N, C-alpha and C. Protein backbone atom coordinates (compact mmCIF):
# COMPACT_ATOMS: atom_id res chain seq x y z
N UNK A 1 3.72 -17.62 5.27
CA UNK A 1 2.93 -16.44 4.97
C UNK A 1 3.65 -15.18 5.47
N UNK A 2 4.21 -15.25 6.67
CA UNK A 2 4.89 -14.08 7.21
C UNK A 2 6.11 -13.70 6.37
N UNK A 3 6.87 -14.69 5.94
CA UNK A 3 8.07 -14.37 5.17
C UNK A 3 7.73 -13.77 3.80
N UNK A 4 6.56 -14.07 3.28
CA UNK A 4 6.18 -13.56 1.96
C UNK A 4 5.44 -12.23 2.04
N UNK A 5 4.50 -12.09 2.97
CA UNK A 5 3.61 -10.93 2.98
C UNK A 5 3.87 -9.92 4.08
N UNK A 6 4.79 -10.17 4.98
CA UNK A 6 5.04 -9.23 6.07
C UNK A 6 6.18 -8.27 5.70
N UNK A 7 6.61 -7.50 6.65
CA UNK A 7 7.75 -6.59 6.51
C UNK A 7 7.54 -5.53 5.45
N UNK A 8 6.38 -4.91 5.46
CA UNK A 8 6.07 -3.76 4.60
C UNK A 8 6.27 -4.03 3.11
N UNK A 9 5.81 -5.16 2.67
CA UNK A 9 5.89 -5.48 1.25
C UNK A 9 5.00 -4.53 0.46
N UNK A 10 5.42 -4.19 -0.72
CA UNK A 10 4.66 -3.28 -1.58
C UNK A 10 3.39 -3.98 -2.08
N UNK A 11 2.36 -3.20 -2.43
CA UNK A 11 1.13 -3.81 -2.97
C UNK A 11 1.43 -4.65 -4.21
N UNK A 12 0.64 -5.69 -4.38
CA UNK A 12 0.81 -6.59 -5.51
C UNK A 12 0.27 -5.96 -6.79
N UNK A 13 0.91 -6.23 -7.89
CA UNK A 13 0.48 -5.69 -9.18
C UNK A 13 -0.70 -6.52 -9.69
N UNK A 14 -1.83 -5.88 -9.88
CA UNK A 14 -3.04 -6.56 -10.36
C UNK A 14 -3.65 -5.76 -11.49
N UNK A 15 -4.23 -6.44 -12.46
CA UNK A 15 -4.88 -5.74 -13.56
C UNK A 15 -6.38 -5.57 -13.30
N UNK A 16 -6.92 -6.26 -12.28
CA UNK A 16 -8.34 -6.14 -11.95
C UNK A 16 -8.62 -4.74 -11.41
N UNK A 17 -9.85 -4.30 -11.57
CA UNK A 17 -10.21 -2.98 -11.06
C UNK A 17 -10.26 -2.97 -9.53
N UNK A 18 -10.65 -4.11 -8.92
CA UNK A 18 -10.65 -4.21 -7.47
C UNK A 18 -10.21 -5.62 -7.08
N UNK A 19 -9.27 -5.70 -6.18
CA UNK A 19 -8.82 -6.97 -5.64
C UNK A 19 -8.59 -6.76 -4.14
N UNK A 20 -9.36 -7.47 -3.33
CA UNK A 20 -9.26 -7.31 -1.88
C UNK A 20 -7.87 -7.67 -1.36
N UNK A 21 -7.23 -8.62 -2.00
CA UNK A 21 -5.92 -9.08 -1.54
C UNK A 21 -4.76 -8.42 -2.28
N UNK A 22 -4.98 -7.25 -2.81
CA UNK A 22 -3.90 -6.52 -3.46
C UNK A 22 -2.85 -6.09 -2.45
N UNK A 23 -3.31 -5.78 -1.25
CA UNK A 23 -2.41 -5.34 -0.20
C UNK A 23 -2.01 -6.53 0.67
N UNK A 24 -0.73 -6.81 0.81
CA UNK A 24 -0.27 -7.98 1.56
C UNK A 24 -0.78 -8.02 3.00
N UNK A 25 -1.03 -6.89 3.60
CA UNK A 25 -1.53 -6.86 4.97
C UNK A 25 -2.90 -7.55 5.07
N UNK A 26 -3.68 -7.52 4.02
CA UNK A 26 -5.00 -8.18 4.01
C UNK A 26 -4.86 -9.70 4.12
N UNK A 27 -3.82 -10.27 3.50
CA UNK A 27 -3.57 -11.71 3.67
C UNK A 27 -3.33 -12.03 5.14
N UNK A 28 -2.49 -11.23 5.77
CA UNK A 28 -2.16 -11.48 7.17
C UNK A 28 -3.37 -11.30 8.08
N UNK A 29 -4.21 -10.32 7.80
CA UNK A 29 -5.42 -10.12 8.59
C UNK A 29 -6.41 -11.27 8.40
N UNK A 30 -6.55 -11.73 7.18
CA UNK A 30 -7.49 -12.81 6.88
C UNK A 30 -7.13 -14.10 7.62
N UNK A 31 -5.84 -14.39 7.73
CA UNK A 31 -5.38 -15.60 8.38
C UNK A 31 -4.95 -15.37 9.82
N UNK A 32 -5.29 -14.21 10.38
CA UNK A 32 -5.01 -13.86 11.77
C UNK A 32 -3.53 -13.98 12.11
N UNK A 33 -2.70 -13.42 11.26
CA UNK A 33 -1.25 -13.47 11.45
C UNK A 33 -0.64 -12.10 11.71
N UNK A 34 -1.46 -11.12 12.01
CA UNK A 34 -0.93 -9.76 12.18
C UNK A 34 -0.07 -9.65 13.43
N UNK A 35 -0.32 -10.46 14.45
CA UNK A 35 0.46 -10.39 15.69
C UNK A 35 1.49 -11.52 15.79
N UNK A 36 1.66 -12.29 14.73
CA UNK A 36 2.60 -13.41 14.76
C UNK A 36 4.03 -12.94 14.56
N UNK A 37 4.95 -13.76 14.99
CA UNK A 37 6.36 -13.45 14.87
C UNK A 37 7.04 -14.49 13.98
N UNK A 38 7.77 -14.03 12.98
CA UNK A 38 8.46 -14.94 12.07
C UNK A 38 9.52 -15.74 12.81
N UNK A 39 10.26 -15.09 13.67
CA UNK A 39 11.34 -15.78 14.38
C UNK A 39 10.80 -16.85 15.33
N UNK A 40 9.67 -16.61 16.01
CA UNK A 40 9.07 -17.62 16.88
C UNK A 40 8.50 -18.78 16.07
N UNK A 41 8.05 -18.50 14.88
CA UNK A 41 7.55 -19.57 14.01
C UNK A 41 8.69 -20.51 13.61
N UNK A 42 9.84 -19.94 13.31
CA UNK A 42 11.01 -20.75 12.96
C UNK A 42 11.46 -21.58 14.15
N UNK A 43 11.47 -20.98 15.35
CA UNK A 43 11.83 -21.73 16.56
C UNK A 43 10.86 -22.89 16.77
N UNK A 44 9.59 -22.66 16.54
CA UNK A 44 8.60 -23.72 16.70
C UNK A 44 8.79 -24.84 15.70
N UNK A 45 9.21 -24.52 14.50
CA UNK A 45 9.45 -25.54 13.48
C UNK A 45 10.69 -26.38 13.78
N UNK A 46 11.68 -25.75 14.38
CA UNK A 46 12.92 -26.46 14.70
C UNK A 46 12.65 -27.39 15.86
């Protein structure tokens, strides 16, 4: 999730009039990943 939606990714292109998850930061907030570190996640996987 961090590798896809973090690092100031641009808003997603949607044709709907309203989409809560248009902004990648909302994904990270929903899954409580706003304070997570990508590099520490990789270290944990290794």
